[in-house]
Amino acid sequence: MTNLKFSGEVAEFYRRYRRGYPEAVLDALVTEFGLTTEDTVLDLGCGTGQLTLPLAARTRAVVGMDPEPDMLAQARNAAAGVPNVCWLVGADSDVRALELVLGGEKLGAVTIGQALH
């Protein structure tokens, strides 16, 4: 069986054709987690940023984390001009390392929109 990688042209196609999230979904996330412009959110398995970027408009900052560098490269391109997003190569096993970066700050939420890994 072939191991499908989310790199190269696959990452480009994913960015181009993967649907985003309706405003109602974003509203529900903000309401359910009580997110404000003071919160930082981790979007785990963020892919090319379909959930990361709209969350950035509603929070202080969003960390987009994905194990595929090519997916993050597509996300960075899509995020041009969005100052409150950072992109990290990593997976669920790397989340604890964020404690070092965040210091005493807690995450307002961790989202996993659609992670196929």
Protein backbone atom coordinates (compact mmCIF):
# COMPACT_ATOMS: atom_id res chain seq x y z
CA MET A 1 0.00 0.00 0.00
CA THR A 2 1.27 3.49 -0.89
CA ASN A 3 1.81 5.94 1.95
CA LEU A 4 0.17 9.20 0.80
CA LYS A 5 2.17 12.22 1.88
CA PHE A 6 0.66 15.67 2.21
CA SER A 7 3.58 17.30 0.45
CA GLY A 8 4.43 18.80 -2.91
CA GLU A 9 1.48 19.21 -5.23
CA VAL A 10 -0.79 17.36 -2.79
CA ALA A 11 -0.33 20.23 -0.30
CA GLU A 12 -1.04 22.75 -3.05
CA PHE A 13 -4.21 20.93 -4.12
CA TYR A 14 -5.28 20.64 -0.47
CA ARG A 15 -4.95 24.40 -0.01
CA ARG A 16 -6.75 25.13 -3.25
CA TYR A 17 -9.67 22.71 -2.93
CA ARG A 18 -10.18 22.05 0.79
CA ARG A 19 -13.26 23.93 1.92
CA GLY A 20 -13.07 26.38 4.76
CA TYR A 21 -15.39 26.54 7.74
CA PRO A 22 -18.71 28.39 7.80
CA GLU A 23 -19.02 31.42 10.07
CA ALA A 24 -21.52 29.45 12.19
CA VAL A 25 -18.80 26.93 13.08
CA LEU A 26 -16.42 29.71 14.10
CA ASP A 27 -19.16 31.40 16.12
CA ALA A 28 -19.87 28.10 17.88
CA LEU A 29 -16.18 27.58 18.74
CA VAL A 30 -15.83 31.10 20.10
CA THR A 31 -19.01 30.75 22.15
CA GLU A 32 -18.38 27.21 23.43
CA PHE A 33 -14.82 27.95 24.56
CA GLY A 34 -15.54 31.54 25.59
CA LEU A 35 -12.72 32.78 23.35
CA THR A 36 -11.82 36.45 23.36
CA THR A 37 -9.16 38.65 21.81
CA GLU A 38 -7.04 37.81 24.86
CA ASP A 39 -6.82 34.07 24.07
CA THR A 40 -4.23 31.99 22.26
CA VAL A 41 -5.46 28.92 20.38
CA LEU A 42 -3.58 25.89 19.09
CA ASP A 43 -4.89 24.48 15.81
CA LEU A 44 -3.39 20.99 15.80
CA GLY A 45 -3.12 19.33 12.40
CA CYS A 46 -3.80 22.73 10.88
CA GLY A 47 -2.99 21.73 7.32
CA THR A 48 -3.01 24.80 5.13
CA GLY A 49 -4.79 26.98 7.69
CA GLN A 50 -8.51 26.71 6.84
CA LEU A 51 -9.42 26.94 10.53
CA THR A 52 -6.28 28.69 11.80
CA LEU A 53 -6.69 31.88 9.80
CA PRO A 54 -10.34 32.65 10.62
CA LEU A 55 -9.62 31.94 14.29
CA ALA A 56 -6.81 34.50 14.18
CA ALA A 57 -9.35 37.20 13.42
CA ARG A 58 -11.19 36.33 16.65
CA THR A 59 -8.33 35.73 19.11
CA ARG A 60 -5.05 37.26 20.26
CA ALA A 61 -2.96 34.60 18.53
CA VAL A 62 -3.17 31.18 16.91
CA VAL A 63 -0.46 28.56 16.65
CA GLY A 64 -0.90 26.34 13.60
CA MET A 65 0.87 23.01 14.10
CA ASP A 66 1.17 20.30 11.44
CA PRO A 67 3.64 17.47 10.81
CA GLU A 68 3.97 18.30 7.09
CA PRO A 69 6.30 21.20 6.22
CA ASP A 70 4.75 21.63 2.76
CA MET A 71 1.29 22.08 4.29
CA LEU A 72 2.72 24.79 6.56
CA ALA A 73 4.44 26.47 3.61
CA GLN A 74 1.04 26.73 1.90
CA ALA A 75 -0.47 28.06 5.15
CA ARG A 76 2.26 30.70 5.48
CA ASN A 77 1.57 31.89 1.94
CA ALA A 78 -2.17 32.10 2.65
CA ALA A 79 -1.46 34.01 5.86
CA ALA A 80 0.57 36.79 4.29
CA GLY A 81 -0.23 39.92 6.26
CA VAL A 82 -1.81 38.10 9.21
CA PRO A 83 0.44 39.10 12.12
CA ASN A 84 -0.95 36.95 14.94
CA VAL A 85 -0.35 33.45 13.57
CA CYS A 86 2.75 31.31 13.91
CA TRP A 87 3.35 27.98 12.21
CA LEU A 88 5.16 25.05 13.81
CA VAL A 89 6.13 21.66 12.44
CA GLY A 90 4.87 19.15 14.97
CA ALA A 91 2.25 16.64 16.02
CA ASP A 92 0.20 15.84 19.10
CA SER A 93 3.31 14.45 20.78
CA ASP A 94 4.88 17.94 20.58
CA VAL A 95 2.08 19.86 22.31
CA ARG A 96 3.70 19.68 25.76
CA ALA A 97 6.71 21.57 24.38
CA LEU A 98 4.45 24.58 23.88
CA GLU A 99 4.48 25.07 27.65
CA LEU A 100 8.06 26.31 27.29
CA VAL A 101 7.01 28.81 24.65
CA LEU A 102 3.83 29.99 26.38
CA GLY A 103 5.37 30.27 29.84
CA GLY A 104 2.55 30.55 32.37
CA GLU A 105 -0.07 31.38 29.74
CA LYS A 106 -2.76 28.80 29.08
CA LEU A 107 -4.32 27.99 25.74
CA GLY A 108 -7.89 29.16 25.28
CA ALA A 109 -8.61 26.10 23.13
CA VAL A 110 -7.04 23.35 21.08
CA THR A 111 -8.79 22.68 17.79
CA ILE A 112 -8.43 19.76 15.42
CA GLY A 113 -10.53 20.57 12.37
CA GLN A 114 -9.77 17.57 10.18
CA ALA A 115 -6.50 15.80 10.79
CA LEU A 116 -5.79 12.82 8.57
CA HIS A 117 -2.41 11.83 10.00
